[in-house]
Amino acid sequence: MKNYKSIYENNCGIGNHTIEKQAFEEIIKGLESGEIRVANKIDGEWKVNHWVKEAILWGFRLGKIDELRCNPFKFFDKDTIPLSNITLQSGVRIVPGGSSIRGGSYLATNTVVMPPSYINIGAYVDAGSMIDSHALVGSCAQVGKNVHLSAASQLGGVLEPVGALPVIIEDNVFIGGNCGIYEGTVVRQNAVIGTGVVLNRSTAVFDSTTGEFLTSTGSGHLTIPENAVVVAGSRPLKRGAGREMGIHLYTPIIIKYRDAKTSLSLLLEDELR
């Protein structure tokens, strides 16, 4: 495998636009092939590859606004960030109807993209995942195998600061419709996120099986445990005028942990892929 980090470090800022652009194009190819990615799981914890984010930002700085044609449409974007180089041999199913896969994102074989969806630069979508209609996979978001991102749900993107963990969705996670997962939230494998749940680093999640609240860790991100089944909920304010007025604060709730019955109801059909 190429040493993409060296390609970046040896060419960034050398002052030769042609050589720098060629080097950035190599890094885009590495992202699109899945050889490099923004974050990796090491010893059970997700770590950010800072230099990959820095390289993406470098590409934006290098580029100039140009006209990109995809007949009968035309777009205006940085000439360093083309559309993703997906071919028939990639084994990815992209249904007609207005989806866009930006250059520098990776889609593994047997992923499905329903229209209209958007997958941004630095994103990583592993094999067998379904990106449903009106869904967003934001910049640098990392999506595992056999994930279902339901209609109108969003995975937030983050390029800056370069040390910030992107949204992480591990293998076999089911995300219901109209959800929003932001600010480096990590959803561990086999979890189920119910319709309309919003998660970010300031969200307190109540685990009804333990009576405890889950909040962001010292590293600044919220983690949803393996097999957790999370639904939207609320809790009353304990003080101030809001208490007397019966105001409630949005609070996602872990109602249980995934069992055989839950798994059966969420079974993904291979025929759809």
C-alpha atoms as a PDB file:
ATOM      1  CA  MET A   1       0.000   0.000   0.000  1.00  0.00           C
ATOM      2  CA  LYS A   2       1.180   3.510  -0.792  1.00  0.00           C
ATOM      3  CA  ASN A   3       2.401   5.707   2.027  1.00  0.00           C
ATOM      4  CA  TYR A   4      -0.281   8.347   1.611  1.00  0.00           C
ATOM      5  CA  LYS A   5       0.796  10.201   4.722  1.00  0.00           C
ATOM      6  CA  SER A   6       4.237  10.758   3.189  1.00  0.00           C
ATOM      7  CA  ILE A   7       2.629  11.911  -0.055  1.00  0.00           C
ATOM      8  CA  TYR A   8       0.799  14.567   1.940  1.00  0.00           C
ATOM      9  CA  GLU A   9       3.725  15.601   4.137  1.00  0.00           C
ATOM     10  CA  ASN A  10       6.225  15.770   1.268  1.00  0.00           C
ATOM     11  CA  ASN A  11       4.047  17.854  -1.044  1.00  0.00           C
ATOM     12  CA  CYS A  12       1.832  20.093   1.076  1.00  0.00           C
ATOM     13  CA  GLY A  13       2.897  23.734   0.780  1.00  0.00           C
ATOM     14  CA  ILE A  14       5.865  23.218  -1.545  1.00  0.00           C
ATOM     15  CA  GLY A  15       4.636  26.071  -3.752  1.00  0.00           C
ATOM     16  CA  ASN A  16       4.230  24.074  -6.968  1.00  0.00           C
ATOM     17  CA  HIS A  17       0.477  24.002  -7.625  1.00  0.00           C
ATOM     18  CA  THR A  18       0.668  21.294 -10.303  1.00  0.00           C
ATOM     19  CA  ILE A  19       2.641  18.869  -8.143  1.00  0.00           C
ATOM     20  CA  GLU A  20       0.530  19.609  -5.070  1.00  0.00           C
ATOM     21  CA  LYS A  21      -2.688  18.996  -6.993  1.00  0.00           C
ATOM     22  CA  GLN A  22      -1.360  15.680  -8.343  1.00  0.00           C
ATOM     23  CA  ALA A  23      -0.412  14.629  -4.812  1.00  0.00           C
ATOM     24  CA  PHE A  24      -3.863  15.530  -3.501  1.00  0.00           C
ATOM     25  CA  GLU A  25      -5.468  13.494  -6.288  1.00  0.00           C
ATOM     26  CA  GLU A  26      -3.497  10.473  -5.031  1.00  0.00           C
ATOM     27  CA  ILE A  27      -4.898  11.014  -1.538  1.00  0.00           C
ATOM     28  CA  ILE A  28      -8.442  11.253  -2.954  1.00  0.00           C
ATOM     29  CA  LYS A  29      -7.867   7.876  -4.647  1.00  0.00           C
ATOM     30  CA  GLY A  30      -6.689   6.436  -1.323  1.00  0.00           C
ATOM     31  CA  LEU A  31      -9.866   7.639   0.411  1.00  0.00           C
ATOM     32  CA  GLU A  32     -12.104   6.323  -2.365  1.00  0.00           C
ATOM     33  CA  SER A  33     -10.423   2.909  -2.296  1.00  0.00           C
ATOM     34  CA  GLY A  34     -10.754   2.647   1.479  1.00  0.00           C
ATOM     35  CA  GLU A  35      -6.980   2.315   1.913  1.00  0.00           C
ATOM     36  CA  ILE A  36      -6.972   5.358   4.181  1.00  0.00           C
ATOM     37  CA  ARG A  37      -9.757   6.725   6.360  1.00  0.00           C
ATOM     38  CA  VAL A  38     -10.352   9.569   8.775  1.00  0.00           C
ATOM     39  CA  ALA A  39     -10.714   7.351  11.857  1.00  0.00           C
ATOM     40  CA  ASN A  40      -9.757   3.808  12.841  1.00  0.00           C
ATOM     41  CA  LYS A  41     -10.719   1.598  15.747  1.00  0.00           C
ATOM     42  CA  ILE A  42      -7.575   0.755  17.736  1.00  0.00           C
ATOM     43  CA  ASP A  43      -7.735  -1.456  20.834  1.00  0.00           C
ATOM     44  CA  GLY A  44     -11.488  -0.918  21.061  1.00  0.00           C
ATOM     45  CA  GLU A  45     -11.380   2.883  20.817  1.00  0.00           C
ATOM     46  CA  TRP A  46     -11.799   5.173  17.822  1.00  0.00           C
ATOM     47  CA  LYS A  47      -8.847   7.381  16.956  1.00  0.00           C
ATOM     48  CA  VAL A  48      -8.744  10.291  14.508  1.00  0.00           C
ATOM     49  CA  ASN A  49      -6.113  10.334  11.768  1.00  0.00           C
ATOM     50  CA  HIS A  50      -5.440  14.069  11.979  1.00  0.00           C
ATOM     51  CA  TRP A  51      -3.328  14.177   8.853  1.00  0.00           C
ATOM     52  CA  VAL A  52      -6.189  12.855   6.691  1.00  0.00           C
ATOM     53  CA  LYS A  53      -8.427  15.738   7.746  1.00  0.00           C
ATOM     54  CA  GLU A  54      -5.546  18.151   7.207  1.00  0.00           C
ATOM     55  CA  ALA A  55      -5.042  16.719   3.715  1.00  0.00           C
ATOM     56  CA  ILE A  56      -8.730  17.199   2.851  1.00  0.00           C
ATOM     57  CA  LEU A  57      -8.592  20.827   3.992  1.00  0.00           C
ATOM     58  CA  TRP A  58      -5.408  21.251   1.957  1.00  0.00           C
ATOM     59  CA  GLY A  59      -7.320  20.076  -1.123  1.00  0.00           C
ATOM     60  CA  PHE A  60      -9.984  22.717  -0.580  1.00  0.00           C
ATOM     61  CA  ARG A  61      -7.312  25.404  -0.339  1.00  0.00           C
ATOM     62  CA  LEU A  62      -5.652  24.181  -3.545  1.00  0.00           C
ATOM     63  CA  GLY A  63      -8.826  24.185  -5.569  1.00  0.00           C
ATOM     64  CA  LYS A  64     -10.552  26.892  -7.529  1.00  0.00           C
ATOM     65  CA  ILE A  65     -14.240  27.100  -8.412  1.00  0.00           C
ATOM     66  CA  ASP A  66     -14.872  25.390 -11.722  1.00  0.00           C
ATOM     67  CA  GLU A  67     -17.842  24.176 -13.740  1.00  0.00           C
ATOM     68  CA  LEU A  68     -18.501  20.460 -13.352  1.00  0.00           C
ATOM     69  CA  ARG A  69     -20.802  18.852 -15.898  1.00  0.00           C
ATOM     70  CA  CYS A  70     -22.918  15.762 -15.353  1.00  0.00           C
ATOM     71  CA  ASN A  71     -25.353  15.973 -18.216  1.00  0.00           C
ATOM     72  CA  PRO A  72     -27.928  17.404 -18.261  1.00  0.00           C
ATOM     73  CA  PHE A  73     -26.828  19.123 -15.025  1.00  0.00           C
ATOM     74  CA  LYS A  74     -23.919  21.368 -14.165  1.00  0.00           C
ATOM     75  CA  PHE A  75     -22.411  22.281 -10.809  1.00  0.00           C
ATOM     76  CA  PHE A  76     -19.824  24.742  -9.507  1.00  0.00           C
ATOM     77  CA  ASP A  77     -17.302  23.431  -6.999  1.00  0.00           C
ATOM     78  CA  LYS A  78     -13.592  23.247  -6.230  1.00  0.00           C
ATOM     79  CA  ASP A  79     -11.808  21.564  -9.134  1.00  0.00           C
ATOM     80  CA  THR A  80      -9.821  19.438  -6.670  1.00  0.00           C
ATOM     81  CA  ILE A  81     -13.006  17.738  -5.363  1.00  0.00           C
ATOM     82  CA  PRO A  82     -14.650  15.872  -8.249  1.00  0.00           C
ATOM     83  CA  LEU A  83     -17.527  13.443  -8.067  1.00  0.00           C
ATOM     84  CA  SER A  84     -16.559  10.067  -6.666  1.00  0.00           C
ATOM     85  CA  ASN A  85     -15.023   7.692  -9.203  1.00  0.00           C
ATOM     86  CA  ILE A  86     -17.572   4.909  -8.711  1.00  0.00           C
ATOM     87  CA  THR A  87     -17.873   2.421 -11.581  1.00  0.00           C
ATOM     88  CA  LEU A  88     -19.981  -0.650 -12.286  1.00  0.00           C
ATOM     89  CA  GLN A  89     -17.094  -2.763 -10.970  1.00  0.00           C
ATOM     90  CA  SER A  90     -17.391  -1.046  -7.560  1.00  0.00           C
ATOM     91  CA  GLY A  91     -20.429  -3.201  -6.845  1.00  0.00           C
ATOM     92  CA  VAL A  92     -22.375  -0.275  -5.374  1.00  0.00           C
ATOM     93  CA  ARG A  93     -26.072   0.187  -6.149  1.00  0.00           C
ATOM     94  CA  ILE A  94     -27.022   3.849  -6.640  1.00  0.00           C
ATOM     95  CA  VAL A  95     -30.681   4.163  -7.576  1.00  0.00           C
ATOM     96  CA  PRO A  96     -31.571   6.957 -10.069  1.00  0.00           C
ATOM     97  CA  GLY A  97     -33.038  10.148  -8.694  1.00  0.00           C
ATOM     98  CA  GLY A  98     -30.613  12.815  -7.548  1.00  0.00           C
ATOM     99  CA  SER A  99     -28.077  11.332  -5.123  1.00  0.00           C
ATOM    100  CA  SER A 100     -24.537  12.685  -5.024  1.00  0.00           C
ATOM    101  CA  ILE A 101     -21.362  10.922  -3.892  1.00  0.00           C
ATOM    102  CA  ARG A 102     -18.573  13.427  -3.422  1.00  0.00           C
ATOM    103  CA  GLY A 103     -14.990  12.624  -4.307  1.00  0.00           C
ATOM    104  CA  GLY A 104     -12.872  11.290  -1.458  1.00  0.00           C
ATOM    105  CA  SER A 105     -15.647   9.177   0.054  1.00  0.00           C
ATOM    106  CA  TYR A 106     -15.625   5.383   0.207  1.00  0.00           C
ATOM    107  CA  LEU A 107     -18.551   3.073  -0.514  1.00  0.00           C
ATOM    108  CA  ALA A 108     -17.886  -0.642  -0.145  1.00  0.00           C
ATOM    109  CA  THR A 109     -19.340  -3.389  -2.297  1.00  0.00           C
ATOM    110  CA  ASN A 110     -23.043  -4.139  -1.769  1.00  0.00           C
ATOM    111  CA  THR A 111     -23.915  -0.755  -0.328  1.00  0.00           C
ATOM    112  CA  VAL A 112     -27.165   0.783  -1.549  1.00  0.00           C
ATOM    113  CA  VAL A 113     -27.893   4.496  -1.963  1.00  0.00           C
ATOM    114  CA  MET A 114     -31.531   5.511  -2.416  1.00  0.00           C
ATOM    115  CA  PRO A 115     -32.421   8.888  -3.940  1.00  0.00           C
ATOM    116  CA  PRO A 116     -31.957  11.616  -3.022  1.00  0.00           C
ATOM    117  CA  SER A 117     -29.015  11.148  -0.661  1.00  0.00           C
ATOM    118  CA  TYR A 118     -25.701  12.887  -0.143  1.00  0.00           C
ATOM    119  CA  ILE A 119     -22.397  11.354   0.948  1.00  0.00           C
ATOM    120  CA  ASN A 120     -19.667  13.903   1.632  1.00  0.00           C
ATOM    121  CA  ILE A 121     -15.868  13.849   1.388  1.00  0.00           C
ATOM    122  CA  GLY A 122     -14.006  11.708   3.912  1.00  0.00           C
ATOM    123  CA  ALA A 123     -17.056   9.550   4.636  1.00  0.00           C
ATOM    124  CA  TYR A 124     -16.596   5.778   4.871  1.00  0.00           C
ATOM    125  CA  VAL A 125     -19.547   3.426   4.268  1.00  0.00           C
ATOM    126  CA  ASP A 126     -18.824  -0.266   4.708  1.00  0.00           C
ATOM    127  CA  ALA A 127     -20.293  -3.305   2.948  1.00  0.00           C
ATOM    128  CA  GLY A 128     -23.987  -4.098   2.950  1.00  0.00           C
ATOM    129  CA  SER A 129     -25.175  -0.761   4.292  1.00  0.00           C
ATOM    130  CA  MET A 130     -28.328   1.014   3.116  1.00  0.00           C
ATOM    131  CA  ILE A 131     -28.396   4.816   2.811  1.00  0.00           C
ATOM    132  CA  ASP A 132     -32.083   5.590   2.421  1.00  0.00           C
ATOM    133  CA  SER A 133     -33.895   8.507   0.780  1.00  0.00           C
ATOM    134  CA  HIS A 134     -33.154  12.069   1.954  1.00  0.00           C
ATOM    135  CA  ALA A 135     -30.329  10.768   4.167  1.00  0.00           C
ATOM    136  CA  LEU A 136     -27.007  12.528   4.742  1.00  0.00           C
ATOM    137  CA  VAL A 137     -23.646  10.976   5.516  1.00  0.00           C
ATOM    138  CA  GLY A 138     -21.670  14.069   6.518  1.00  0.00           C
ATOM    139  CA  SER A 139     -18.002  14.731   5.901  1.00  0.00           C
ATOM    140  CA  CYS A 140     -15.717  12.165   7.570  1.00  0.00           C
ATOM    141  CA  ALA A 141     -18.585  10.153   9.130  1.00  0.00           C
ATOM    142  CA  GLN A 142     -17.650   6.476   9.508  1.00  0.00           C
ATOM    143  CA  VAL A 143     -20.365   3.873   8.857  1.00  0.00           C
ATOM    144  CA  GLY A 144     -19.850   0.164   9.507  1.00  0.00           C
ATOM    145  CA  LYS A 145     -21.136  -2.979   7.833  1.00  0.00           C
ATOM    146  CA  ASN A 146     -24.854  -3.730   7.394  1.00  0.00           C
ATOM    147  CA  VAL A 147     -25.994  -0.367   8.761  1.00  0.00           C
ATOM    148  CA  HIS A 148     -29.434   0.921   7.812  1.00  0.00           C
ATOM    149  CA  LEU A 149     -29.633   4.716   7.756  1.00  0.00           C
ATOM    150  CA  SER A 150     -33.346   5.325   7.325  1.00  0.00           C
ATOM    151  CA  ALA A 151     -35.085   8.055   5.372  1.00  0.00           C
ATOM    152  CA  ALA A 152     -34.434  11.703   6.315  1.00  0.00           C
ATOM    153  CA  SER A 153     -31.758  10.834   8.896  1.00  0.00           C
ATOM    154  CA  GLN A 154     -28.492  12.719   9.164  1.00  0.00           C
ATOM    155  CA  LEU A 155     -24.994  11.869  10.288  1.00  0.00           C
ATOM    156  CA  GLY A 156     -23.253  15.159  11.001  1.00  0.00           C
ATOM    157  CA  GLY A 157     -19.990  16.032   9.322  1.00  0.00           C
ATOM    158  CA  VAL A 158     -16.835  17.462  10.849  1.00  0.00           C
ATOM    159  CA  LEU A 159     -13.620  18.574   9.174  1.00  0.00           C
ATOM    160  CA  GLU A 160     -12.580  21.155  11.758  1.00  0.00           C
ATOM    161  CA  PRO A 161     -11.039  21.034  14.229  1.00  0.00           C
ATOM    162  CA  VAL A 162      -8.861  18.270  12.802  1.00  0.00           C
ATOM    163  CA  GLY A 163      -8.674  16.498  16.163  1.00  0.00           C
ATOM    164  CA  ALA A 164     -12.453  16.220  16.535  1.00  0.00           C
ATOM    165  CA  LEU A 165     -13.812  12.689  16.299  1.00  0.00           C
ATOM    166  CA  PRO A 166     -16.334  12.270  13.468  1.00  0.00           C
ATOM    167  CA  VAL A 167     -19.662  10.528  13.896  1.00  0.00           C
ATOM    168  CA  ILE A 168     -19.035   6.783  14.207  1.00  0.00           C
ATOM    169  CA  ILE A 169     -21.716   4.190  13.413  1.00  0.00           C
ATOM    170  CA  GLU A 170     -20.455   0.657  14.039  1.00  0.00           C
ATOM    171  CA  ASP A 171     -21.563  -2.602  12.383  1.00  0.00           C
ATOM    172  CA  ASN A 172     -25.202  -3.752  12.270  1.00  0.00           C
ATOM    173  CA  VAL A 173     -26.670  -0.523  13.656  1.00  0.00           C
ATOM    174  CA  PHE A 174     -30.229   0.392  12.691  1.00  0.00           C
ATOM    175  CA  ILE A 175     -31.044   4.116  12.592  1.00  0.00           C
ATOM    176  CA  GLY A 176     -34.711   4.983  12.259  1.00  0.00           C
ATOM    177  CA  GLY A 177     -36.224   7.723  10.141  1.00  0.00           C
ATOM    178  CA  ASN A 178     -35.673  11.411  10.823  1.00  0.00           C
ATOM    179  CA  CYS A 179     -32.810  10.901  13.302  1.00  0.00           C
ATOM    180  CA  GLY A 180     -29.880  13.240  13.766  1.00  0.00           C
ATOM    181  CA  ILE A 181     -26.510  12.033  15.056  1.00  0.00           C
ATOM    182  CA  TYR A 182     -23.899  14.751  15.464  1.00  0.00           C
ATOM    183  CA  GLU A 183     -20.675  16.000  17.099  1.00  0.00           C
ATOM    184  CA  GLY A 184     -18.621  12.811  17.186  1.00  0.00           C
ATOM    185  CA  THR A 185     -21.281  10.585  18.748  1.00  0.00           C
ATOM    186  CA  VAL A 186     -20.245   6.918  18.682  1.00  0.00           C
ATOM    187  CA  VAL A 187     -23.001   4.337  18.219  1.00  0.00           C
ATOM    188  CA  ARG A 188     -21.647   0.914  19.085  1.00  0.00           C
ATOM    189  CA  GLN A 189     -22.466  -2.227  17.129  1.00  0.00           C
ATOM    190  CA  ASN A 190     -25.973  -3.722  17.006  1.00  0.00           C
ATOM    191  CA  ALA A 191     -27.588  -0.644  18.577  1.00  0.00           C
ATOM    192  CA  VAL A 192     -31.038   0.491  17.452  1.00  0.00           C
ATOM    193  CA  ILE A 193     -31.817   4.216  17.264  1.00  0.00           C
ATOM    194  CA  GLY A 194     -35.570   4.793  17.132  1.00  0.00           C
ATOM    195  CA  THR A 195     -37.388   7.225  14.879  1.00  0.00           C
ATOM    196  CA  GLY A 196     -36.735  10.897  15.568  1.00  0.00           C
ATOM    197  CA  VAL A 197     -33.893  10.480  18.087  1.00  0.00           C
ATOM    198  CA  VAL A 198     -31.286  13.267  18.135  1.00  0.00           C
ATOM    199  CA  LEU A 199     -27.866  12.609  19.683  1.00  0.00           C
ATOM    200  CA  ASN A 200     -24.944  14.986  20.244  1.00  0.00           C
ATOM    201  CA  ARG A 201     -22.253  15.562  22.843  1.00  0.00           C
ATOM    202  CA  SER A 202     -24.555  17.660  25.056  1.00  0.00           C
ATOM    203  CA  THR A 203     -27.342  15.069  25.035  1.00  0.00           C
ATOM    204  CA  ALA A 204     -27.949  13.158  28.263  1.00  0.00           C
ATOM    205  CA  VAL A 205     -29.299   9.685  27.505  1.00  0.00           C
ATOM    206  CA  PHE A 206     -31.253   7.915  30.238  1.00  0.00           C
ATOM    207  CA  ASP A 207     -30.655   4.168  30.589  1.00  0.00           C
ATOM    208  CA  SER A 208     -33.905   2.855  32.025  1.00  0.00           C
ATOM    209  CA  THR A 209     -32.303  -0.539  32.684  1.00  0.00           C
ATOM    210  CA  THR A 210     -29.807   0.937  35.170  1.00  0.00           C
ATOM    211  CA  GLY A 211     -31.404   4.225  36.220  1.00  0.00           C
ATOM    212  CA  GLU A 212     -28.282   6.142  35.157  1.00  0.00           C
ATOM    213  CA  PHE A 213     -27.618   8.899  32.614  1.00  0.00           C
ATOM    214  CA  LEU A 214     -25.039   8.532  29.851  1.00  0.00           C
ATOM    215  CA  THR A 215     -23.238  11.760  29.006  1.00  0.00           C
ATOM    216  CA  SER A 216     -20.234  12.760  26.928  1.00  0.00           C
ATOM    217  CA  THR A 217     -16.913  11.445  28.176  1.00  0.00           C
ATOM    218  CA  GLY A 218     -13.710  13.321  28.946  1.00  0.00           C
ATOM    219  CA  SER A 219     -12.832  13.020  25.264  1.00  0.00           C
ATOM    220  CA  GLY A 220     -15.929  15.082  24.496  1.00  0.00           C
ATOM    221  CA  HIS A 221     -18.165  12.599  22.717  1.00  0.00           C
ATOM    222  CA  LEU A 222     -21.268  10.609  23.597  1.00  0.00           C
ATOM    223  CA  THR A 223     -21.168   6.806  23.244  1.00  0.00           C
ATOM    224  CA  ILE A 224     -24.264   4.646  22.822  1.00  0.00           C
ATOM    225  CA  PRO A 225     -23.513   1.115  24.108  1.00  0.00           C
ATOM    226  CA  GLU A 226     -23.660  -2.093  22.084  1.00  0.00           C
ATOM    227  CA  ASN A 227     -27.166  -3.507  21.568  1.00  0.00           C
ATOM    228  CA  ALA A 228     -28.867  -0.470  23.145  1.00  0.00           C
ATOM    229  CA  VAL A 229     -32.380   0.303  21.902  1.00  0.00           C
ATOM    230  CA  VAL A 230     -32.854   4.086  22.096  1.00  0.00           C
ATOM    231  CA  VAL A 231     -36.134   5.976  21.692  1.00  0.00           C
ATOM    232  CA  ALA A 232     -37.085   9.644  22.013  1.00  0.00           C
ATOM    233  CA  GLY A 233     -38.284  10.764  25.455  1.00  0.00           C
ATOM    234  CA  SER A 234     -38.325  13.655  27.916  1.00  0.00           C
ATOM    235  CA  ARG A 235     -37.885  14.510  31.604  1.00  0.00           C
ATOM    236  CA  PRO A 236     -39.350  17.382  33.643  1.00  0.00           C
ATOM    237  CA  LEU A 237     -37.228  20.341  34.647  1.00  0.00           C
ATOM    238  CA  LYS A 238     -36.362  20.175  38.345  1.00  0.00           C
ATOM    239  CA  ARG A 239     -35.920  23.877  39.074  1.00  0.00           C
ATOM    240  CA  GLY A 240     -36.836  27.358  37.913  1.00  0.00           C
ATOM    241  CA  ALA A 241     -39.992  28.680  36.321  1.00  0.00           C
ATOM    242  CA  GLY A 242     -40.062  25.787  33.869  1.00  0.00           C
ATOM    243  CA  ARG A 243     -40.747  23.351  36.692  1.00  0.00           C
ATOM    244  CA  GLU A 244     -43.956  25.108  37.698  1.00  0.00           C
ATOM    245  CA  MET A 245     -45.019  25.361  34.077  1.00  0.00           C
ATOM    246  CA  GLY A 246     -44.520  21.627  33.483  1.00  0.00           C
ATOM    247  CA  ILE A 247     -41.746  22.118  30.905  1.00  0.00           C
ATOM    248  CA  HIS A 248     -39.888  18.981  29.874  1.00  0.00           C
ATOM    249  CA  LEU A 249     -36.357  18.572  28.519  1.00  0.00           C
ATOM    250  CA  TYR A 250     -35.697  16.308  25.548  1.00  0.00           C
ATOM    251  CA  THR A 251     -34.064  13.074  26.769  1.00  0.00           C
ATOM    252  CA  PRO A 252     -33.418   9.969  24.651  1.00  0.00           C
ATOM    253  CA  ILE A 253     -34.082   6.767  26.602  1.00  0.00           C
ATOM    254  CA  ILE A 254     -32.478   3.333  26.382  1.00  0.00           C
ATOM    255  CA  ILE A 255     -35.575   1.207  26.907  1.00  0.00           C
ATOM    256  CA  LYS A 256     -33.807  -2.161  26.656  1.00  0.00           C
ATOM    257  CA  TYR A 257     -30.910  -3.976  25.063  1.00  0.00           C
ATOM    258  CA  ARG A 258     -31.329  -5.797  21.796  1.00  0.00           C
ATOM    259  CA  ASP A 259     -32.691  -9.332  21.953  1.00  0.00           C
ATOM    260  CA  ALA A 260     -33.698 -11.980  19.429  1.00  0.00           C
ATOM    261  CA  LYS A 261     -37.147 -10.430  18.966  1.00  0.00           C
ATOM    262  CA  THR A 262     -35.665  -7.010  18.196  1.00  0.00           C
ATOM    263  CA  SER A 263     -33.154  -8.488  15.768  1.00  0.00           C
ATOM    264  CA  LEU A 264     -35.887 -10.394  13.903  1.00  0.00           C
ATOM    265  CA  SER A 265     -37.966  -7.231  13.444  1.00  0.00           C
ATOM    266  CA  LEU A 266     -34.958  -5.426  11.961  1.00  0.00           C
ATOM    267  CA  LEU A 267     -33.734  -8.236   9.701  1.00  0.00           C
ATOM    268  CA  LEU A 268     -32.237  -6.774   6.538  1.00  0.00           C
ATOM    269  CA  GLU A 269     -33.283  -8.482   3.341  1.00  0.00           C
ATOM    270  CA  ASP A 270     -30.415  -9.528   1.092  1.00  0.00           C
ATOM    271  CA  GLU A 271     -32.780  -9.318  -1.899  1.00  0.00           C
ATOM    272  CA  LEU A 272     -32.913  -5.514  -1.495  1.00  0.00           C
ATOM    273  CA  ARG A 273     -29.178  -5.382  -2.081  1.00  0.00           C
END
